[in-house]
Amino acid sequence: MKSLVLFLTLSATVMEAHAGTLPADLGHHSSTAEDRAAISAVLDRYTQCVTAGDEPGFRALLLDDDIPFSAVSPARSGKEVTTTSLRRYADFRDAVFRSGRHFRQSFSHVRIEQDGPLAQASLDFVTVHGNDGSVGWKVLQLVKTTEGWKIASELFTVRSLP
């Protein structure tokens, strides 16, 4: 217990000492026009692949098949949300590319933030299938690899079109 109190005391002291000495460029992320264009191209390719039913093309956008990729629903309780329950790319893949159904998807209100090899895109989406459809908000994290920008996670909300 004494070591915990000592740790908390030292942590508070260090935080106070550094509070006034934050770097002047804090909040200014490293971003290039070339990277932003490449990230936008990944997002454009995403909707093209979903609309065309191009599973291999879509798969090429992902870091791997085991990334967090899931709807986040208010109906789930906190206990049901785990890293395992968020790795649902196979469900998305089967519904979009292997079900025989055809979807049209579009993105709007796209916001991209980047700091070097890490980026985040948040956007609104509309997905239409026949007379039905859904809308929602996506947050994607992307990492820059030797092969270019790859989607490392995707979490989204979804609700039916009115």
Foldseek 3Di string as FASTA:
>chain_A
DVVVVVVVVVVVVVCVVCVVPDDPCVVPADDDPVQVVLVVVLVVQCQVCLQVLPLVSNCVQAPHLQAQEEEDDPVDDPVCDDSVNRSCSVVVNCVRRVPPFGKGKDWPPWDWDDHPFKIKIKTKMWIDTVPWIKIWIKIWIWGQDPVGIHTRHIYMHIDIDD
